[in-house]
Amino acid sequence: NRIIPNTMTLDRRSFLKSALLTSFSLALPPSIGKLWAGQSDSLRLGLITDLHRDIIHDSDLRLQTFLEEVNRAEVHAKIQLGDFAIPKPANAPFIAAFNQGKIPAYHVLGNHDLDEGHSKEQAIQAFGMPSAYYAQVIQGVRILVLDGNELGSPTTKGGYASYIGKEQQDWLNQQLEESKEPVIVISHQPIAGIYTIDNAVEIQNLLSVHASKIIFAINGHAHVDQLIQVAGVTYLHLNSASYYWVGEKHAHLSMDADTHANYPSLASTCPYAAVLFGILTLDRKQGKLTLTGRKSSWIGPSPLELGYSILSKEEQGLYLQPQISDRAIA
């Protein structure tokens, strides 16, 4: 994922807290149970992010595997969290494959979905989204989908936009204030943890005011497997479906020459051998939220073996692995 990190490493306090959360279950705010009072229906979501149709060599197989699993799991909705496919005509069948079927499909705009000069409007139309950010109630849970690709950041360092502006913040605050349902916040770019948006603290503060309503916030983009808490809100990084980006400095051949010739950007990645995704289940009867993830292996050397150093060795050991960990919030 060709991202420009504005937080190279976690501070020590955040790092230790994040490490702790990789090992233990979390407790939901008691107020969430009150919002569920009288309701017993479960919620199951199929979640996938950063599949990168235009970089990975076997995107069709990865998507097919995900779709077959969500059908078996009988999820109530499937959601891709961005960096799915550039909205060009050649990718229309791929996008259609995700959208088709009886299971409702939802999209989040990733920064690479706007590559090759494509506009948000083109991506929104190609994906079938109602708008760049929107709300959707599914099985009694309010899903708030954010757009982290807005311009106007006063601290931008160039590269891809990574910002949530004032108008969207006002919308988000109103949604949280008015919601009678518990809320899951979904974004492509992280709001907390590794590789956050430019105004991460501002959005963290906004969400913390409404922490009593928020089950958790989930993002893609960083291609890591991380779980942290900030000011009463739990933030989950969902790992990429496909690979970790190491850049041209660590370019290497992990597959045969023909594959690399057909997918030139693949040399700047450490691919996962199998697709990663998660099935999120909210069991209201037990008052428990679980994420069932998938584990894979590297094709070729790992980032650590290549000498990748943007994340420390300790951080790589904890978060930069070809897996989505099983999680439980009780």
Protein backbone atom coordinates (compact mmCIF):
# COMPACT_ATOMS: atom_id res chain seq x y z
CA ASN A 1 0.00 0.00 0.00
CA ARG A 2 1.83 3.08 -1.22
CA ILE A 3 1.05 5.27 1.77
CA ILE A 4 2.95 8.17 3.24
CA PRO A 5 3.05 7.54 7.00
CA ASN A 6 2.67 10.58 9.23
CA THR A 7 3.23 8.50 12.37
CA MET A 8 6.31 6.37 11.81
CA THR A 9 6.07 4.48 15.11
CA LEU A 10 3.83 4.42 18.15
CA ASP A 11 4.84 6.25 21.27
CA ARG A 12 5.89 3.86 24.08
CA ARG A 13 2.69 4.20 26.12
CA SER A 14 0.44 3.58 23.10
CA PHE A 15 2.67 0.73 21.99
CA LEU A 16 2.44 -1.10 25.31
CA LYS A 17 -1.32 -0.61 25.49
CA SER A 18 -1.71 -1.88 21.94
CA ALA A 19 0.45 -4.92 22.68
CA LEU A 20 -1.71 -5.71 25.70
CA LEU A 21 -4.86 -5.62 23.59
CA THR A 22 -3.51 -8.25 21.22
CA SER A 23 -3.73 -10.80 24.02
CA PHE A 24 -6.91 -10.09 25.94
CA SER A 25 -10.61 -9.75 25.23
CA LEU A 26 -12.17 -6.33 25.60
CA ALA A 27 -15.24 -5.15 27.45
CA LEU A 28 -18.01 -3.27 25.69
CA PRO A 29 -19.34 -0.14 27.41
CA PRO A 30 -22.33 -1.12 29.61
CA SER A 31 -24.39 1.48 27.75
CA ILE A 32 -24.19 -0.66 24.60
CA GLY A 33 -26.22 -3.35 26.35
CA LYS A 34 -28.91 -0.79 27.13
CA LEU A 35 -29.13 0.17 23.45
CA TRP A 36 -29.65 -3.51 22.66
CA ALA A 37 -32.37 -3.94 25.30
CA GLY A 38 -35.24 -6.07 24.01
CA GLN A 39 -33.36 -7.13 20.86
CA SER A 40 -32.04 -10.63 20.29
CA ASP A 41 -31.16 -10.67 16.58
CA SER A 42 -27.52 -11.34 15.76
CA LEU A 43 -25.44 -9.44 13.25
CA ARG A 44 -22.87 -11.02 10.93
CA LEU A 45 -20.69 -9.02 8.56
CA GLY A 46 -18.18 -10.21 5.98
CA LEU A 47 -15.23 -7.79 6.00
CA ILE A 48 -12.39 -7.48 3.50
CA THR A 49 -10.00 -4.65 2.72
CA ASP A 50 -7.10 -3.65 0.48
CA LEU A 51 -7.56 -6.44 -2.03
CA HIS A 52 -5.83 -4.24 -4.67
CA ARG A 53 -7.20 -5.67 -7.89
CA ASP A 54 -4.63 -3.68 -9.88
CA ILE A 55 -1.56 -4.94 -8.02
CA ILE A 56 -2.07 -8.51 -6.80
CA HIS A 57 -1.76 -11.30 -9.36
CA ASP A 58 -4.69 -13.49 -8.28
CA SER A 59 -7.35 -10.97 -7.30
CA ASP A 60 -10.18 -12.95 -8.91
CA LEU A 61 -9.40 -16.03 -6.82
CA ARG A 62 -9.09 -13.99 -3.63
CA LEU A 63 -12.44 -12.32 -4.21
CA GLN A 64 -14.10 -15.63 -5.13
CA THR A 65 -12.83 -17.24 -1.90
CA PHE A 66 -14.20 -14.36 0.17
CA LEU A 67 -17.59 -14.43 -1.56
CA GLU A 68 -17.94 -18.19 -1.13
CA GLU A 69 -17.17 -17.92 2.59
CA VAL A 70 -19.60 -15.06 3.27
CA ASN A 71 -22.31 -17.04 1.50
CA ARG A 72 -21.59 -20.05 3.70
CA ALA A 73 -21.58 -17.88 6.80
CA GLU A 74 -24.92 -16.34 5.80
CA VAL A 75 -23.76 -12.84 6.68
CA HIS A 76 -26.22 -9.95 6.69
CA ALA A 77 -23.88 -7.74 4.65
CA LYS A 78 -20.45 -7.78 3.00
CA ILE A 79 -18.24 -4.71 3.24
CA GLN A 80 -14.99 -3.86 1.48
CA LEU A 81 -12.99 -1.19 3.30
CA GLY A 82 -11.22 0.42 0.35
CA ASP A 83 -8.33 0.00 -2.11
CA PHE A 84 -10.50 -2.51 -3.90
CA ALA A 85 -10.26 -1.68 -7.61
CA ILE A 86 -9.61 1.36 -9.78
CA PRO A 87 -13.02 2.25 -11.28
CA LYS A 88 -12.01 1.76 -14.91
CA PRO A 89 -14.00 -0.26 -17.47
CA ALA A 90 -11.61 -3.23 -17.28
CA ASN A 91 -12.48 -3.65 -13.60
CA ALA A 92 -16.26 -3.44 -14.03
CA PRO A 93 -16.79 -7.25 -13.97
CA PHE A 94 -14.69 -7.52 -10.80
CA ILE A 95 -16.71 -4.83 -9.04
CA ALA A 96 -19.95 -6.40 -10.27
CA ALA A 97 -18.89 -9.77 -8.84
CA PHE A 98 -18.66 -8.20 -5.37
CA ASN A 99 -22.00 -6.43 -5.71
CA GLN A 100 -24.07 -9.28 -7.12
CA GLY A 101 -26.02 -11.84 -5.11
CA LYS A 102 -28.56 -11.69 -2.31
CA ILE A 103 -26.15 -10.36 0.32
CA PRO A 104 -26.14 -6.54 0.42
CA ALA A 105 -22.76 -5.09 -0.57
CA TYR A 106 -21.22 -1.92 0.86
CA HIS A 107 -18.10 0.00 -0.10
CA VAL A 108 -15.61 2.38 1.50
CA LEU A 109 -13.50 4.69 -0.65
CA GLY A 110 -9.77 3.95 -0.49
CA ASN A 111 -7.05 6.26 -1.71
CA HIS A 112 -5.97 3.84 -4.45
CA ASP A 113 -9.55 3.58 -5.72
CA LEU A 114 -8.89 7.09 -7.04
CA ASP A 115 -5.68 6.19 -8.91
CA GLU A 116 -5.04 6.87 -12.59
CA GLY A 117 -6.82 10.22 -12.34
CA HIS A 118 -10.23 8.86 -11.35
CA SER A 119 -12.53 11.11 -9.33
CA LYS A 120 -14.57 10.28 -6.26
CA GLU A 121 -17.71 10.65 -8.33
CA GLN A 122 -16.46 8.01 -10.78
CA ALA A 123 -15.62 5.62 -7.96
CA ILE A 124 -18.93 6.22 -6.19
CA GLN A 125 -20.84 5.51 -9.39
CA ALA A 126 -18.77 2.44 -10.29
CA PHE A 127 -19.12 0.91 -6.81
CA GLY A 128 -22.80 1.81 -6.44
CA MET A 129 -22.27 3.87 -3.29
CA PRO A 130 -24.89 6.42 -2.12
CA SER A 131 -22.12 8.98 -1.44
CA ALA A 132 -18.51 9.24 -0.26
CA TYR A 133 -19.65 8.93 3.38
CA TYR A 134 -22.99 7.56 4.53
CA ALA A 135 -24.99 5.76 7.23
CA GLN A 136 -26.69 2.38 7.02
CA VAL A 137 -28.62 0.54 9.73
CA ILE A 138 -28.09 -3.25 9.55
CA GLN A 139 -29.76 -5.60 12.06
CA GLY A 140 -30.23 -2.79 14.55
CA VAL A 141 -26.65 -1.49 14.33
CA ARG A 142 -25.86 1.88 12.76
CA ILE A 143 -22.89 1.61 10.38
CA LEU A 144 -21.19 4.96 9.76
CA VAL A 145 -18.93 4.84 6.68
CA LEU A 146 -16.39 7.67 6.56
CA ASP A 147 -14.36 9.22 3.74
CA GLY A 148 -10.74 9.81 4.73
CA ASN A 149 -9.74 11.14 1.31
CA GLU A 150 -10.76 14.76 1.79
CA LEU A 151 -8.61 17.75 0.88
CA GLY A 152 -7.95 20.72 3.12
CA SER A 153 -5.57 19.28 5.70
CA PRO A 154 -3.48 22.06 7.27
CA THR A 155 -0.71 19.57 8.04
CA THR A 156 -0.54 17.68 4.74
CA LYS A 157 2.91 16.59 3.62
CA GLY A 158 1.82 15.81 0.09
CA GLY A 159 0.94 12.50 -1.46
CA TYR A 160 -2.54 11.04 -1.01
CA ALA A 161 -5.13 13.07 0.89
CA SER A 162 -5.67 11.69 4.39
CA TYR A 163 -8.13 13.95 6.17
CA ILE A 164 -11.72 14.24 7.41
CA GLY A 165 -12.99 17.80 6.98
CA LYS A 166 -15.34 19.98 8.99
CA GLU A 167 -18.52 19.25 7.02
CA GLN A 168 -18.05 15.51 7.40
CA GLN A 169 -17.19 15.95 11.07
CA ASP A 170 -20.46 17.82 11.62
CA TRP A 171 -22.34 15.01 9.87
CA LEU A 172 -20.55 12.38 11.95
CA ASN A 173 -21.29 14.19 15.20
CA GLN A 174 -24.97 14.55 14.28
CA GLN A 175 -25.24 10.87 13.37
CA LEU A 176 -23.74 9.89 16.72
CA GLU A 177 -25.90 12.29 18.69
CA GLU A 178 -29.13 11.17 17.04
CA SER A 179 -28.45 7.43 16.82
CA LYS A 180 -30.76 5.22 18.86
CA GLU A 181 -28.70 2.18 17.84
CA PRO A 182 -25.17 1.12 18.81
CA VAL A 183 -22.65 2.28 16.22
CA ILE A 184 -19.79 0.76 14.23
CA VAL A 185 -17.56 3.36 12.55
CA ILE A 186 -15.83 2.24 9.35
CA SER A 187 -13.08 4.09 7.50
CA HIS A 188 -10.34 3.21 5.06
CA GLN A 189 -7.57 5.26 6.69
CA PRO A 190 -6.86 4.63 10.39
CA ILE A 191 -8.13 7.07 13.01
CA ALA A 192 -5.82 5.64 15.69
CA GLY A 193 -2.74 3.45 15.74
CA ILE A 194 -0.39 3.01 12.79
CA TYR A 195 -0.48 5.38 9.75
CA THR A 196 -3.33 7.60 10.95
CA ILE A 197 -5.09 10.41 9.08
CA ASP A 198 -3.68 13.93 9.43
CA ASN A 199 -6.29 15.03 11.98
CA ALA A 200 -6.47 11.75 13.90
CA VAL A 201 -6.57 13.36 17.35
CA GLU A 202 -9.41 15.64 16.30
CA ILE A 203 -11.53 12.70 15.15
CA GLN A 204 -10.54 10.59 18.17
CA ASN A 205 -11.80 13.40 20.42
CA LEU A 206 -15.07 13.59 18.49
CA LEU A 207 -15.65 9.85 18.80
CA SER A 208 -14.67 9.72 22.46
CA VAL A 209 -17.55 12.08 23.32
CA HIS A 210 -19.89 9.36 22.02
CA ALA A 211 -17.89 6.34 23.23
CA SER A 212 -20.93 5.02 25.10
CA LYS A 213 -22.64 4.35 21.75
CA ILE A 214 -19.66 3.04 19.77
CA ILE A 215 -19.05 -0.71 19.59
CA PHE A 216 -15.76 -0.11 17.83
CA ALA A 217 -14.14 1.62 14.84
CA ILE A 218 -12.56 -0.43 12.07
CA ASN A 219 -10.22 0.51 9.22
CA GLY A 220 -8.00 -0.89 6.49
CA HIS A 221 -5.17 0.94 4.65
CA ALA A 222 -2.22 0.12 6.92
CA HIS A 223 -2.04 -3.60 6.00
CA VAL A 224 -1.45 -4.53 9.64
CA ASP A 225 -3.24 -6.57 12.30
CA GLN A 226 -3.67 -4.18 15.23
CA LEU A 227 -6.16 -3.49 18.02
CA ILE A 228 -5.93 -0.48 20.37
CA GLN A 229 -8.13 1.62 22.63
CA VAL A 230 -8.11 5.42 22.82
CA ALA A 231 -10.34 7.37 25.22
CA GLY A 232 -12.88 4.58 25.58
CA VAL A 233 -13.13 3.73 21.85
CA THR A 234 -11.73 0.48 20.44
CA TYR A 235 -9.97 0.72 17.06
CA LEU A 236 -9.36 -2.35 14.90
CA HIS A 237 -7.00 -2.45 11.92
CA LEU A 238 -8.17 -5.09 9.46
CA ASN A 239 -5.23 -6.52 7.53
CA SER A 240 -5.01 -6.44 3.75
CA ALA A 241 -6.50 -9.27 1.76
CA SER A 242 -3.36 -9.50 -0.36
CA TYR A 243 0.04 -8.18 0.73
CA TYR A 244 2.25 -5.72 2.59
CA TRP A 245 3.88 -2.92 0.57
CA VAL A 246 7.66 -2.57 1.10
CA GLY A 247 8.44 -0.19 -1.77
CA GLU A 248 11.00 -0.05 -4.54
CA LYS A 249 13.88 0.01 -2.05
CA HIS A 250 13.03 -3.59 -1.13
CA ALA A 251 11.83 -4.72 -4.56
CA HIS A 252 12.35 -8.42 -5.17
CA LEU A 253 11.02 -11.37 -7.15
CA SER A 254 8.78 -13.58 -5.05
CA MET A 255 7.18 -15.40 -8.00
CA ASP A 256 8.03 -16.41 -11.54
CA ALA A 257 9.26 -13.86 -14.06
CA ASP A 258 6.09 -13.92 -16.17
CA THR A 259 3.88 -13.08 -13.19
CA HIS A 260 6.10 -10.15 -12.27
CA ALA A 261 6.14 -8.97 -15.88
CA ASN A 262 2.33 -8.93 -15.94
CA TYR A 263 2.07 -7.32 -12.48
CA PRO A 264 5.10 -5.00 -12.19
CA SER A 265 4.08 -3.47 -8.84
CA LEU A 266 4.10 -6.93 -7.26
CA ALA A 267 7.89 -6.72 -6.82
CA SER A 268 7.40 -3.96 -4.24
CA THR A 269 5.17 -6.15 -2.09
CA CYS A 270 5.42 -9.13 0.24
CA PRO A 271 2.35 -11.10 -0.90
CA TYR A 272 0.20 -13.32 1.31
CA ALA A 273 -0.16 -16.87 0.04
CA ALA A 274 -3.93 -16.87 0.65
CA VAL A 275 -6.60 -14.20 0.94
CA LEU A 276 -7.26 -12.63 4.35
CA PHE A 277 -10.68 -11.46 5.54
CA GLY A 278 -12.85 -11.58 8.63
CA ILE A 279 -16.34 -12.60 9.69
CA LEU A 280 -17.68 -10.27 12.39
CA THR A 281 -20.45 -11.65 14.59
CA LEU A 282 -22.43 -9.67 17.13
CA ASP A 283 -24.30 -12.01 19.47
CA ARG A 284 -26.82 -9.92 21.38
CA LYS A 285 -27.95 -12.79 23.60
CA GLN A 286 -24.43 -13.21 24.94
CA GLY A 287 -23.55 -9.53 24.63
CA LYS A 288 -20.42 -10.46 22.69
CA LEU A 289 -18.72 -9.32 19.51
CA THR A 290 -16.28 -11.70 17.82
CA LEU A 291 -14.08 -11.43 14.75
CA THR A 292 -13.05 -14.69 13.11
CA GLY A 293 -10.00 -14.02 10.96
CA ARG A 294 -7.84 -15.99 8.58
CA LYS A 295 -4.13 -16.79 8.71
CA SER A 296 -1.77 -17.27 5.80
CA SER A 297 1.97 -17.22 5.10
CA TRP A 298 4.37 -15.08 3.09
CA ILE A 299 5.17 -15.79 -0.53
CA GLY A 300 8.93 -15.28 -0.51
CA PRO A 301 10.72 -13.28 2.20
CA SER A 302 8.93 -11.28 4.89
CA PRO A 303 9.40 -7.52 5.27
CA LEU A 304 11.68 -8.17 8.25
CA GLU A 305 13.84 -10.54 6.22
CA LEU A 306 14.16 -7.85 3.53
CA GLY A 307 15.38 -5.29 6.07
CA TYR A 308 12.19 -3.21 6.09
CA SER A 309 12.52 -0.64 8.86
CA ILE A 310 9.63 1.88 8.79
CA LEU A 311 8.08 -0.23 11.55
CA SER A 312 10.40 -1.56 14.25
CA LYS A 313 11.18 -5.25 14.60
CA GLU A 314 8.96 -5.34 17.68
CA GLU A 315 6.05 -3.75 15.84
CA GLN A 316 6.52 -6.08 12.89
CA GLY A 317 6.41 -9.06 15.21
CA LEU A 318 3.14 -7.88 16.72
CA TYR A 319 1.27 -6.35 13.80
CA LEU A 320 2.97 -7.02 10.47
CA GLN A 321 2.03 -10.64 9.93
CA PRO A 322 0.04 -12.42 7.17
CA GLN A 323 -3.01 -12.86 9.38
CA ILE A 324 -6.19 -11.37 10.76
CA SER A 325 -6.35 -12.34 14.41
CA ASP A 326 -9.44 -13.74 16.07
CA ARG A 327 -10.82 -11.08 18.42
CA ALA A 328 -13.48 -10.99 21.14
CA ILE A 329 -15.20 -8.00 22.74
CA ALA A 330 -17.49 -9.18 25.51
